[in-house]
């Protein structure tokens, strides 16, 4: 699994990096077929003060790319909400991928007695 954590108008501190890694551990525990994860943490220069911390994640799994973004006043809260959304999406994808069909029972030919 390739993991990239980068920042836009923001220095990714070791504390932020460790926080993202611990939160991503929950997602990888549910679904282990993750190929690539790109996390982008950014600060938007908006006139209004609220909702300027933004966290985005692009998760590449076999057959699908999952992109989620979340904004909040606090970066840690944005990461929490982002990981909750990502966890739900990964669980939904896992349910779709799993084969829920049962094999038809073999026919038992009634032999004349």
PDB file of N, CA and C in Angstrom:
ATOM      1  N   UNK A   1       0.837  -1.174   0.000  1.00  0.00           N
ATOM      2  CA  UNK A   1       0.000   0.000   0.000  1.00  0.00           C
ATOM      3  C   UNK A   1       0.885   1.241   0.000  1.00  0.00           C
ATOM      4  N   UNK A   2       0.652   2.110  -0.955  1.00  0.00           N
ATOM      5  CA  UNK A   2       1.383   3.369  -1.034  1.00  0.00           C
ATOM      6  C   UNK A   2       0.584   4.452  -0.327  1.00  0.00           C
ATOM      7  N   UNK A   3       1.242   5.218   0.520  1.00  0.00           N
ATOM      8  CA  UNK A   3       0.575   6.281   1.273  1.00  0.00           C
ATOM      9  C   UNK A   3       1.318   7.583   1.050  1.00  0.00           C
ATOM     10  N   UNK A   4       0.572   8.627   0.650  1.00  0.00           N
ATOM     11  CA  UNK A   4       1.138   9.949   0.454  1.00  0.00           C
ATOM     12  C   UNK A   4       0.324  10.939   1.267  1.00  0.00           C
ATOM     13  N   UNK A   5       0.986  11.652   2.167  1.00  0.00           N
ATOM     14  CA  UNK A   5       0.332  12.699   2.946  1.00  0.00           C
ATOM     15  C   UNK A   5       1.035  14.004   2.606  1.00  0.00           C
ATOM     16  N   UNK A   6       0.271  14.960   2.068  1.00  0.00           N
ATOM     17  CA  UNK A   6       0.877  16.225   1.680  1.00  0.00           C
ATOM     18  C   UNK A   6       0.015  17.381   2.161  1.00  0.00           C
ATOM     19  N   UNK A   7       0.607  18.569   2.186  1.00  0.00           N
ATOM     20  CA  UNK A   7      -0.092  19.756   2.653  1.00  0.00           C
ATOM     21  C   UNK A   7      -0.037  20.856   1.612  1.00  0.00           C
ATOM     22  N   UNK A   8      -1.096  21.643   1.561  1.00  0.00           N
ATOM     23  CA  UNK A   8      -1.190  22.775   0.643  1.00  0.00           C
ATOM     24  C   UNK A   8      -1.434  24.010   1.499  1.00  0.00           C
ATOM     25  N   UNK A   9      -0.506  24.962   1.485  1.00  0.00           N
ATOM     26  CA  UNK A   9      -0.514  26.124   2.375  1.00  0.00           C
ATOM     27  C   UNK A   9      -0.462  25.686   3.838  1.00  0.00           C
ATOM     28  N   UNK A  10       0.204  24.562   4.082  1.00  0.00           N
ATOM     29  CA  UNK A  10       0.232  23.982   5.422  1.00  0.00           C
ATOM     30  C   UNK A  10       1.440  23.060   5.522  1.00  0.00           C
ATOM     31  N   UNK A  11       2.152  23.150   6.620  1.00  0.00           N
ATOM     32  CA  UNK A  11       3.227  22.199   6.891  1.00  0.00           C
ATOM     33  C   UNK A  11       2.636  21.000   7.613  1.00  0.00           C
ATOM     34  N   UNK A  12       2.901  19.809   7.093  1.00  0.00           N
ATOM     35  CA  UNK A  12       2.397  18.591   7.724  1.00  0.00           C
ATOM     36  C   UNK A  12       3.358  18.229   8.853  1.00  0.00           C
ATOM     37  N   UNK A  13       2.910  18.470  10.059  1.00  0.00           N
ATOM     38  CA  UNK A  13       3.737  18.201  11.237  1.00  0.00           C
ATOM     39  C   UNK A  13       3.727  16.703  11.535  1.00  0.00           C
ATOM     40  N   UNK A  14       4.698  16.227  12.282  1.00  0.00           N
ATOM     41  CA  UNK A  14       4.677  14.807  12.658  1.00  0.00           C
ATOM     42  C   UNK A  14       3.420  14.422  13.448  1.00  0.00           C
ATOM     43  N   UNK A  15       2.868  15.353  14.221  1.00  0.00           N
ATOM     44  CA  UNK A  15       1.649  15.058  14.973  1.00  0.00           C
ATOM     45  C   UNK A  15       0.463  14.859  14.020  1.00  0.00           C
ATOM     46  N   UNK A  16       0.346  15.711  12.998  1.00  0.00           N
ATOM     47  CA  UNK A  16      -0.719  15.547  12.000  1.00  0.00           C
ATOM     48  C   UNK A  16      -0.547  14.242  11.242  1.00  0.00           C
ATOM     49  N   UNK A  17       0.682  13.945  10.844  1.00  0.00           N
ATOM     50  CA  UNK A  17       0.956  12.718  10.103  1.00  0.00           C
ATOM     51  C   UNK A  17       0.579  11.485  10.929  1.00  0.00           C
ATOM     52  N   UNK A  18       0.947  11.487  12.204  1.00  0.00           N
ATOM     53  CA  UNK A  18       0.635  10.361  13.082  1.00  0.00           C
ATOM     54  C   UNK A  18      -0.869  10.236  13.307  1.00  0.00           C
ATOM     55  N   UNK A  19      -1.562  11.370  13.404  1.00  0.00           N
ATOM     56  CA  UNK A  19      -3.014  11.362  13.593  1.00  0.00           C
ATOM     57  C   UNK A  19      -3.716  10.752  12.378  1.00  0.00           C
ATOM     58  N   UNK A  20      -3.275  11.136  11.183  1.00  0.00           N
ATOM     59  CA  UNK A  20      -3.856  10.582   9.953  1.00  0.00           C
ATOM     60  C   UNK A  20      -3.577   9.083   9.863  1.00  0.00           C
ATOM     61  N   UNK A  21      -2.372   8.666  10.212  1.00  0.00           N
ATOM     62  CA  UNK A  21      -2.021   7.243  10.162  1.00  0.00           C
ATOM     63  C   UNK A  21      -2.865   6.408  11.119  1.00  0.00           C
ATOM     64  N   UNK A  22      -3.104   6.922  12.327  1.00  0.00           N
ATOM     65  CA  UNK A  22      -3.925   6.156  13.273  1.00  0.00           C
ATOM     66  C   UNK A  22      -5.364   6.075  12.806  1.00  0.00           C
ATOM     67  N   UNK A  23      -5.860   7.120  12.170  1.00  0.00           N
ATOM     68  CA  UNK A  23      -7.235   7.096  11.669  1.00  0.00           C
ATOM     69  C   UNK A  23      -7.354   6.185  10.442  1.00  0.00           C
ATOM     70  N   UNK A  24      -6.330   6.156   9.602  1.00  0.00           N
ATOM     71  CA  UNK A  24      -6.361   5.296   8.411  1.00  0.00           C
ATOM     72  C   UNK A  24      -6.264   3.820   8.786  1.00  0.00           C
ATOM     73  N   UNK A  25      -5.733   3.547   9.961  1.00  0.00           N
ATOM     74  CA  UNK A  25      -5.607   2.159  10.406  1.00  0.00           C
ATOM     75  C   UNK A  25      -6.973   1.491  10.506  1.00  0.00           C
ATOM     76  N   UNK A  26      -7.985   2.247  10.884  1.00  0.00           N
ATOM     77  CA  UNK A  26      -9.341   1.704  10.980  1.00  0.00           C
ATOM     78  C   UNK A  26      -9.867   1.284   9.612  1.00  0.00           C
ATOM     79  N   UNK A  27      -9.573   2.080   8.586  1.00  0.00           N
ATOM     80  CA  UNK A  27     -10.040   1.777   7.234  1.00  0.00           C
ATOM     81  C   UNK A  27      -9.330   0.548   6.684  1.00  0.00           C
ATOM     82  N   UNK A  28      -8.032   0.479   6.879  1.00  0.00           N
ATOM     83  CA  UNK A  28      -7.290  -0.667   6.357  1.00  0.00           C
ATOM     84  C   UNK A  28      -7.597  -1.941   7.130  1.00  0.00           C
ATOM     85  N   UNK A  29      -8.095  -1.804   8.347  1.00  0.00           N
ATOM     86  CA  UNK A  29      -8.493  -2.985   9.110  1.00  0.00           C
ATOM     87  C   UNK A  29      -9.766  -3.595   8.515  1.00  0.00           C
ATOM     88  N   UNK A  30     -10.658  -2.745   8.013  1.00  0.00           N
ATOM     89  CA  UNK A  30     -11.901  -3.244   7.418  1.00  0.00           C
ATOM     90  C   UNK A  30     -11.694  -3.838   6.034  1.00  0.00           C
ATOM     91  N   UNK A  31     -10.790  -3.242   5.253  1.00  0.00           N
ATOM     92  CA  UNK A  31     -10.624  -3.648   3.860  1.00  0.00           C
ATOM     93  C   UNK A  31      -9.142  -3.628   3.543  1.00  0.00           C
ATOM     94  N   UNK A  32      -8.557  -4.796   3.305  1.00  0.00           N
ATOM     95  CA  UNK A  32      -7.111  -4.875   3.146  1.00  0.00           C
ATOM     96  C   UNK A  32      -6.636  -4.811   1.702  1.00  0.00           C
ATOM     97  N   UNK A  33      -7.538  -4.649   0.741  1.00  0.00           N
ATOM     98  CA  UNK A  33      -7.134  -4.613  -0.667  1.00  0.00           C
ATOM     99  C   UNK A  33      -6.951  -3.182  -1.161  1.00  0.00           C
ATOM    100  N   UNK A  34      -6.386  -2.331  -0.346  1.00  0.00           N
ATOM    101  CA  UNK A  34      -6.135  -0.942  -0.708  1.00  0.00           C
ATOM    102  C   UNK A  34      -4.807  -0.870  -1.451  1.00  0.00           C
ATOM    103  N   UNK A  35      -4.812  -0.238  -2.630  1.00  0.00           N
ATOM    104  CA  UNK A  35      -3.603  -0.135  -3.436  1.00  0.00           C
ATOM    105  C   UNK A  35      -2.837   1.142  -3.113  1.00  0.00           C
ATOM    106  N   UNK A  36      -3.556   2.278  -3.067  1.00  0.00           N
ATOM    107  CA  UNK A  36      -2.902   3.573  -2.970  1.00  0.00           C
ATOM    108  C   UNK A  36      -3.790   4.533  -2.183  1.00  0.00           C
ATOM    109  N   UNK A  37      -3.188   5.354  -1.328  1.00  0.00           N
ATOM    110  CA  UNK A  37      -3.923   6.375  -0.576  1.00  0.00           C
ATOM    111  C   UNK A  37      -3.177   7.697  -0.717  1.00  0.00           C
ATOM    112  N   UNK A  38      -3.899   8.740  -1.149  1.00  0.00           N
ATOM    113  CA  UNK A  38      -3.349  10.090  -1.218  1.00  0.00           C
ATOM    114  C   UNK A  38      -4.169  10.981  -0.289  1.00  0.00           C
ATOM    115  N   UNK A  39      -3.515  11.607   0.678  1.00  0.00           N
ATOM    116  CA  UNK A  39      -4.181  12.506   1.609  1.00  0.00           C
ATOM    117  C   UNK A  39      -3.632  13.902   1.384  1.00  0.00           C
ATOM    118  N   UNK A  40      -4.534  14.874   1.211  1.00  0.00           N
ATOM    119  CA  UNK A  40      -4.137  16.269   1.017  1.00  0.00           C
ATOM    120  C   UNK A  40      -4.794  17.108   2.099  1.00  0.00           C
ATOM    121  N   UNK A  41      -3.974  17.759   2.912  1.00  0.00           N
ATOM    122  CA  UNK A  41      -4.456  18.650   3.956  1.00  0.00           C
ATOM    123  C   UNK A  41      -4.164  20.076   3.515  1.00  0.00           C
ATOM    124  N   UNK A  42      -5.174  20.948   3.557  1.00  0.00           N
ATOM    125  CA  UNK A  42      -4.959  22.305   3.062  1.00  0.00           C
ATOM    126  C   UNK A  42      -5.709  23.320   3.898  1.00  0.00           C
ATOM    127  N   UNK A  43      -5.257  24.557   3.786  1.00  0.00           N
ATOM    128  CA  UNK A  43      -5.916  25.689   4.423  1.00  0.00           C
ATOM    129  C   UNK A  43      -6.361  26.605   3.299  1.00  0.00           C
ATOM    130  N   UNK A  44      -7.668  26.846   3.224  1.00  0.00           N
ATOM    131  CA  UNK A  44      -8.200  27.711   2.176  1.00  0.00           C
ATOM    132  C   UNK A  44      -8.192  29.155   2.663  1.00  0.00           C
ATOM    133  N   UNK A  45      -7.913  30.055   1.773  1.00  0.00           N
ATOM    134  CA  UNK A  45      -7.867  31.475   2.104  1.00  0.00           C
ATOM    135  C   UNK A  45      -9.223  32.103   1.794  1.00  0.00           C
ATOM    136  N   UNK A  46     -10.171  31.831   2.652  1.00  0.00           N
ATOM    137  CA  UNK A  46     -11.512  32.381   2.476  1.00  0.00           C
ATOM    138  C   UNK A  46     -11.689  33.615   3.347  1.00  0.00           C
ATOM    139  N   UNK A  47     -12.635  34.469   2.951  1.00  0.00           N
ATOM    140  CA  UNK A  47     -12.890  35.662   3.746  1.00  0.00           C
ATOM    141  C   UNK A  47     -13.567  35.310   5.058  1.00  0.00           C
ATOM    142  N   UNK A  48     -14.448  34.318   5.003  1.00  0.00           N
ATOM    143  CA  UNK A  48     -15.110  33.910   6.239  1.00  0.00           C
ATOM    144  C   UNK A  48     -14.183  32.990   7.026  1.00  0.00           C
ATOM    145  N   UNK A  49     -14.229  33.097   8.319  1.00  0.00           N
ATOM    146  CA  UNK A  49     -13.283  32.371   9.146  1.00  0.00           C
ATOM    147  C   UNK A  49     -13.604  30.888   9.260  1.00  0.00           C
ATOM    148  N   UNK A  50     -14.893  30.538   9.248  1.00  0.00           N
ATOM    149  CA  UNK A  50     -15.209  29.142   9.498  1.00  0.00           C
ATOM    150  C   UNK A  50     -15.049  28.292   8.247  1.00  0.00           C
ATOM    151  N   UNK A  51     -14.821  27.019   8.475  1.00  0.00           N
ATOM    152  CA  UNK A  51     -14.712  25.997   7.442  1.00  0.00           C
ATOM    153  C   UNK A  51     -13.574  26.281   6.464  1.00  0.00           C
ATOM    154  N   UNK A  52     -12.421  26.636   6.954  1.00  0.00           N
ATOM    155  CA  UNK A  52     -11.308  26.863   6.052  1.00  0.00           C
ATOM    156  C   UNK A  52     -10.269  25.763   6.082  1.00  0.00           C
ATOM    157  N   UNK A  53     -10.321  24.868   7.043  1.00  0.00           N
ATOM    158  CA  UNK A  53      -9.414  23.719   7.072  1.00  0.00           C
ATOM    159  C   UNK A  53     -10.035  22.617   6.231  1.00  0.00           C
ATOM    160  N   UNK A  54      -9.282  22.093   5.284  1.00  0.00           N
ATOM    161  CA  UNK A  54      -9.834  21.118   4.350  1.00  0.00           C
ATOM    162  C   UNK A  54      -8.953  19.875   4.319  1.00  0.00           C
ATOM    163  N   UNK A  55      -9.602  18.716   4.342  1.00  0.00           N
ATOM    164  CA  UNK A  55      -8.896  17.442   4.243  1.00  0.00           C
ATOM    165  C   UNK A  55      -9.526  16.649   3.105  1.00  0.00           C
ATOM    166  N   UNK A  56      -8.692  16.104   2.234  1.00  0.00           N
ATOM    167  CA  UNK A  56      -9.162  15.305   1.099  1.00  0.00           C
ATOM    168  C   UNK A  56      -8.419  13.984   1.096  1.00  0.00           C
ATOM    169  N   UNK A  57      -9.089  12.948   0.628  1.00  0.00           N
ATOM    170  CA  UNK A  57      -8.434  11.659   0.483  1.00  0.00           C
ATOM    171  C   UNK A  57      -8.901  11.017  -0.814  1.00  0.00           C
ATOM    172  N   UNK A  58      -7.956  10.430  -1.533  1.00  0.00           N
ATOM    173  CA  UNK A  58      -8.249   9.619  -2.701  1.00  0.00           C
ATOM    174  C   UNK A  58      -7.729   8.227  -2.402  1.00  0.00           C
ATOM    175  N   UNK A  59      -8.642   7.280  -2.393  1.00  0.00           N
ATOM    176  CA  UNK A  59      -8.317   5.899  -2.045  1.00  0.00           C
ATOM    177  C   UNK A  59      -8.499   5.050  -3.293  1.00  0.00           C
ATOM    178  N   UNK A  60      -7.446   4.394  -3.720  1.00  0.00           N
ATOM    179  CA  UNK A  60      -7.513   3.548  -4.910  1.00  0.00           C
ATOM    180  C   UNK A  60      -7.560   2.101  -4.460  1.00  0.00           C
ATOM    181  N   UNK A  61      -8.683   1.460  -4.738  1.00  0.00           N
ATOM    182  CA  UNK A  61      -8.821   0.028  -4.469  1.00  0.00           C
ATOM    183  C   UNK A  61      -9.003  -0.661  -5.807  1.00  0.00           C
ATOM    184  N   UNK A  62      -8.917  -1.960  -5.805  1.00  0.00           N
ATOM    185  CA  UNK A  62      -9.024  -2.701  -7.048  1.00  0.00           C
ATOM    186  C   UNK A  62     -10.388  -2.452  -7.691  1.00  0.00           C
ATOM    187  N   UNK A  63     -10.376  -1.805  -8.838  1.00  0.00           N
ATOM    188  CA  UNK A  63     -11.606  -1.575  -9.583  1.00  0.00           C
ATOM    189  C   UNK A  63     -12.305  -0.268  -9.305  1.00  0.00           C
ATOM    190  N   UNK A  64     -11.827   0.544  -8.375  1.00  0.00           N
ATOM    191  CA  UNK A  64     -12.544   1.768  -8.052  1.00  0.00           C
ATOM    192  C   UNK A  64     -11.632   2.766  -7.364  1.00  0.00           C
ATOM    193  N   UNK A  65     -11.899   4.058  -7.607  1.00  0.00           N
ATOM    194  CA  UNK A  65     -11.252   5.137  -6.873  1.00  0.00           C
ATOM    195  C   UNK A  65     -12.310   5.809  -6.010  1.00  0.00           C
ATOM    196  N   UNK A  66     -12.006   6.025  -4.754  1.00  0.00           N
ATOM    197  CA  UNK A  66     -12.927   6.679  -3.834  1.00  0.00           C
ATOM    198  C   UNK A  66     -12.311   8.013  -3.447  1.00  0.00           C
ATOM    199  N   UNK A  67     -13.052   9.118  -3.717  1.00  0.00           N
ATOM    200  CA  UNK A  67     -12.579  10.457  -3.375  1.00  0.00           C
ATOM    201  C   UNK A  67     -13.550  11.081  -2.386  1.00  0.00           C
ATOM    202  N   UNK A  68     -13.006  11.608  -1.289  1.00  0.00           N
ATOM    203  CA  UNK A  68     -13.822  12.243  -0.262  1.00  0.00           C
ATOM    204  C   UNK A  68     -13.092  13.499   0.211  1.00  0.00           C
ATOM    205  N   UNK A  69     -13.867  14.579   0.440  1.00  0.00           N
ATOM    206  CA  UNK A  69     -13.284  15.788   1.005  1.00  0.00           C
ATOM    207  C   UNK A  69     -14.183  16.298   2.125  1.00  0.00           C
ATOM    208  N   UNK A  70     -13.568  16.975   3.081  1.00  0.00           N
ATOM    209  CA  UNK A  70     -14.304  17.483   4.237  1.00  0.00           C
ATOM    210  C   UNK A  70     -13.658  18.771   4.703  1.00  0.00           C
ATOM    211  N   UNK A  71     -14.456  19.776   5.035  1.00  0.00           N
ATOM    212  CA  UNK A  71     -13.932  21.032   5.553  1.00  0.00           C
ATOM    213  C   UNK A  71     -14.500  21.279   6.950  1.00  0.00           C
ATOM    214  N   UNK A  72     -13.721  21.979   7.756  1.00  0.00           N
ATOM    215  CA  UNK A  72     -14.136  22.311   9.108  1.00  0.00           C
ATOM    216  C   UNK A  72     -13.253  23.442   9.613  1.00  0.00           C
ATOM    217  N   UNK A  73     -13.607  24.003  10.765  1.00  0.00           N
ATOM    218  CA  UNK A  73     -12.789  25.053  11.383  1.00  0.00           C
ATOM    219  C   UNK A  73     -11.477  24.489  11.907  1.00  0.00           C
ATOM    220  N   UNK A  74     -11.512  23.242  12.360  1.00  0.00           N
ATOM    221  CA  UNK A  74     -10.365  22.595  12.979  1.00  0.00           C
ATOM    222  C   UNK A  74      -9.881  21.451  12.082  1.00  0.00           C
ATOM    223  N   UNK A  75      -8.590  21.356  11.866  1.00  0.00           N
ATOM    224  CA  UNK A  75      -8.047  20.321  10.980  1.00  0.00           C
ATOM    225  C   UNK A  75      -8.294  18.920  11.542  1.00  0.00           C
ATOM    226  N   UNK A  76      -8.146  18.757  12.844  1.00  0.00           N
ATOM    227  CA  UNK A  76      -8.351  17.440  13.441  1.00  0.00           C
ATOM    228  C   UNK A  76      -9.811  16.999  13.329  1.00  0.00           C
ATOM    229  N   UNK A  77     -10.741  17.932  13.474  1.00  0.00           N
ATOM    230  CA  UNK A  77     -12.163  17.613  13.307  1.00  0.00           C
ATOM    231  C   UNK A  77     -12.461  17.265  11.853  1.00  0.00           C
ATOM    232  N   UNK A  78     -11.830  17.968  10.919  1.00  0.00           N
ATOM    233  CA  UNK A  78     -12.011  17.668   9.497  1.00  0.00           C
ATOM    234  C   UNK A  78     -11.490  16.261   9.181  1.00  0.00           C
ATOM    235  N   UNK A  79     -10.359  15.886   9.768  1.00  0.00           N
ATOM    236  CA  UNK A  79      -9.802  14.549   9.547  1.00  0.00           C
ATOM    237  C   UNK A  79     -10.715  13.486  10.142  1.00  0.00           C
ATOM    238  N   UNK A  80     -11.259  13.758  11.338  1.00  0.00           N
ATOM    239  CA  UNK A  80     -12.192  12.804  11.962  1.00  0.00           C
ATOM    240  C   UNK A  80     -13.412  12.565  11.071  1.00  0.00           C
ATOM    241  N   UNK A  81     -14.034  13.646  10.605  1.00  0.00           N
ATOM    242  CA  UNK A  81     -15.222  13.521   9.763  1.00  0.00           C
ATOM    243  C   UNK A  81     -14.886  12.853   8.436  1.00  0.00           C
ATOM    244  N   UNK A  82     -13.721  13.158   7.894  1.00  0.00           N
ATOM    245  CA  UNK A  82     -13.281  12.548   6.639  1.00  0.00           C
ATOM    246  C   UNK A  82     -13.114  11.044   6.790  1.00  0.00           C
ATOM    247  N   UNK A  83     -12.502  10.607   7.866  1.00  0.00           N
ATOM    248  CA  UNK A  83     -12.283   9.183   8.073  1.00  0.00           C
ATOM    249  C   UNK A  83     -13.586   8.441   8.337  1.00  0.00           C
ATOM    250  N   UNK A  84     -14.556   9.111   8.983  1.00  0.00           N
ATOM    251  CA  UNK A  84     -15.869   8.489   9.163  1.00  0.00           C
ATOM    252  C   UNK A  84     -16.542   8.253   7.819  1.00  0.00           C
ATOM    253  N   UNK A  85     -16.498   9.258   6.945  1.00  0.00           N
ATOM    254  CA  UNK A  85     -17.069   9.116   5.601  1.00  0.00           C
ATOM    255  C   UNK A  85     -16.348   8.033   4.814  1.00  0.00           C
ATOM    256  N   UNK A  86     -15.027   8.041   4.889  1.00  0.00           N
ATOM    257  CA  UNK A  86     -14.231   7.061   4.158  1.00  0.00           C
ATOM    258  C   UNK A  86     -14.522   5.650   4.640  1.00  0.00           C
ATOM    259  N   UNK A  87     -14.678   5.474   5.924  1.00  0.00           N
ATOM    260  CA  UNK A  87     -14.983   4.159   6.481  1.00  0.00           C
ATOM    261  C   UNK A  87     -16.324   3.648   5.948  1.00  0.00           C
ATOM    262  N   UNK A  88     -17.325   4.512   5.899  1.00  0.00           N
ATOM    263  CA  UNK A  88     -18.628   4.111   5.372  1.00  0.00           C
ATOM    264  C   UNK A  88     -18.537   3.736   3.898  1.00  0.00           C
ATOM    265  N   UNK A  89     -17.795   4.524   3.112  1.00  0.00           N
ATOM    266  CA  UNK A  89     -17.661   4.241   1.680  1.00  0.00           C
ATOM    267  C   UNK A  89     -16.917   2.927   1.447  1.00  0.00           C
ATOM    268  N   UNK A  90     -15.872   2.684   2.214  1.00  0.00           N
ATOM    269  CA  UNK A  90     -15.096   1.455   2.041  1.00  0.00           C
ATOM    270  C   UNK A  90     -15.937   0.241   2.422  1.00  0.00           C
ATOM    271  N   UNK A  91     -16.701   0.347   3.500  1.00  0.00           N
ATOM    272  CA  UNK A  91     -17.571  -0.771   3.900  1.00  0.00           C
ATOM    273  C   UNK A  91     -18.631  -1.034   2.833  1.00  0.00           C
ATOM    274  N   UNK A  92     -19.191   0.029   2.241  1.00  0.00           N
ATOM    275  CA  UNK A  92     -20.184  -0.144   1.187  1.00  0.00           C
ATOM    276  C   UNK A  92     -19.554  -0.795  -0.046  1.00  0.00           C
ATOM    277  N   UNK A  93     -18.347  -0.371  -0.399  1.00  0.00           N
ATOM    278  CA  UNK A  93     -17.654  -0.967  -1.541  1.00  0.00           C
ATOM    279  C   UNK A  93     -17.339  -2.440  -1.273  1.00  0.00           C
ATOM    280  N   UNK A  94     -16.925  -2.738  -0.060  1.00  0.00           N
ATOM    281  CA  UNK A  94     -16.597  -4.119   0.300  1.00  0.00           C
ATOM    282  C   UNK A  94     -17.837  -5.001   0.192  1.00  0.00           C
ATOM    283  N   UNK A  95     -18.981  -4.495   0.628  1.00  0.00           N
ATOM    284  CA  UNK A  95     -20.224  -5.265   0.524  1.00  0.00           C
ATOM    285  C   UNK A  95     -20.601  -5.521  -0.930  1.00  0.00           C
ATOM    286  N   UNK A  96     -20.352  -4.561  -1.811  1.00  0.00           N
ATOM    287  CA  UNK A  96     -20.677  -4.745  -3.221  1.00  0.00           C
ATOM    288  C   UNK A  96     -19.748  -5.751  -3.886  1.00  0.00           C
ATOM    289  N   UNK A  97     -18.496  -5.755  -3.471  1.00  0.00           N
ATOM    290  CA  UNK A  97     -17.499  -6.624  -4.091  1.00  0.00           C
ATOM    291  C   UNK A  97     -17.695  -8.084  -3.684  1.00  0.00           C
ATOM    292  N   UNK A  98     -18.101  -8.300  -2.443  1.00  0.00           N
ATOM    293  CA  UNK A  98     -18.257  -9.673  -1.966  1.00  0.00           C
ATOM    294  C   UNK A  98     -19.350 -10.385  -2.750  1.00  0.00           C
ATOM    295  N   UNK A  99     -19.155 -11.642  -2.980  1.00  0.00           N
ATOM    296  CA  UNK A  99     -20.131 -12.444  -3.713  1.00  0.00           C
ATOM    297  C   UNK A  99     -21.181 -12.947  -2.732  1.00  0.00           C
ATOM    298  N   UNK A 100     -22.410 -12.481  -2.918  1.00  0.00           N
ATOM    299  CA  UNK A 100     -23.482 -12.865  -2.017  1.00  0.00           C
ATOM    300  C   UNK A 100     -24.355 -13.976  -2.598  1.00  0.00           C
ATOM    301  N   UNK A 101     -23.983 -14.469  -3.767  1.00  0.00           N
ATOM    302  CA  UNK A 101     -24.796 -15.495  -4.406  1.00  0.00           C
ATOM    303  C   UNK A 101     -24.404 -16.875  -3.877  1.00  0.00           C
ATOM    304  N   UNK A 102     -25.397 -17.694  -3.721  1.00  0.00           N
ATOM    305  CA  UNK A 102     -25.154 -19.061  -3.259  1.00  0.00           C
ATOM    306  C   UNK A 102     -25.200 -19.997  -4.454  1.00  0.00           C
ATOM    307  N   UNK A 103     -24.421 -21.028  -4.394  1.00  0.00           N
ATOM    308  CA  UNK A 103     -24.436 -22.008  -5.463  1.00  0.00           C
ATOM    309  C   UNK A 103     -25.755 -22.779  -5.403  1.00  0.00           C
ATOM    310  N   UNK A 104     -26.288 -23.051  -6.567  1.00  0.00           N
ATOM    311  CA  UNK A 104     -27.549 -23.781  -6.620  1.00  0.00           C
ATOM    312  C   UNK A 104     -27.311 -25.200  -6.125  1.00  0.00           C
ATOM    313  N   UNK A 105     -28.221 -25.716  -5.357  1.00  0.00           N
ATOM    314  CA  UNK A 105     -28.034 -27.096  -4.882  1.00  0.00           C
ATOM    315  C   UNK A 105     -28.062 -28.056  -6.068  1.00  0.00           C
ATOM    316  N   UNK A 106     -27.218 -29.040  -5.981  1.00  0.00           N
ATOM    317  CA  UNK A 106     -27.149 -29.998  -7.077  1.00  0.00           C
ATOM    318  C   UNK A 106     -28.444 -30.799  -7.119  1.00  0.00           C
ATOM    319  N   UNK A 107     -28.856 -31.036  -8.301  1.00  0.00           N
ATOM    320  CA  UNK A 107     -30.075 -31.814  -8.446  1.00  0.00           C
ATOM    321  C   UNK A 107     -29.809 -33.268  -8.087  1.00  0.00           C
ATOM    322  N   UNK A 108     -30.690 -33.774  -7.357  1.00  0.00           N
ATOM    323  CA  UNK A 108     -30.591 -35.188  -6.993  1.00  0.00           C
ATOM    324  C   UNK A 108     -31.620 -35.916  -7.825  1.00  0.00           C
ATOM    325  N   UNK A 109     -31.112 -36.712  -8.747  1.00  0.00           N
ATOM    326  CA  UNK A 109     -32.034 -37.468  -9.595  1.00  0.00           C
ATOM    327  C   UNK A 109     -32.649 -38.586  -8.771  1.00  0.00           C
ATOM    328  N   UNK A 110     -33.914 -38.628  -8.870  1.00  0.00           N
ATOM    329  CA  UNK A 110     -34.622 -39.684  -8.141  1.00  0.00           C
ATOM    330  C   UNK A 110     -34.469 -40.993  -8.932  1.00  0.00           C
ATOM    331  N   UNK A 111     -33.761 -41.881  -8.349  1.00  0.00           N
ATOM    332  CA  UNK A 111     -33.543 -43.163  -9.024  1.00  0.00           C
ATOM    333  C   UNK A 111     -34.731 -44.082  -8.707  1.00  0.00           C
ATOM    334  N   UNK A 112     -35.199 -44.791  -9.730  1.00  0.00           N
ATOM    335  CA  UNK A 112     -36.314 -45.700  -9.441  1.00  0.00           C
ATOM    336  C   UNK A 112     -35.850 -46.800  -8.493  1.00  0.00           C
ATOM    337  N   UNK A 113     -36.700 -47.085  -7.567  1.00  0.00           N
ATOM    338  CA  UNK A 113     -36.339 -48.075  -6.568  1.00  0.00           C
ATOM    339  C   UNK A 113     -36.942 -49.396  -6.875  1.00  0.00           C
TER     340      UNK A 113
END
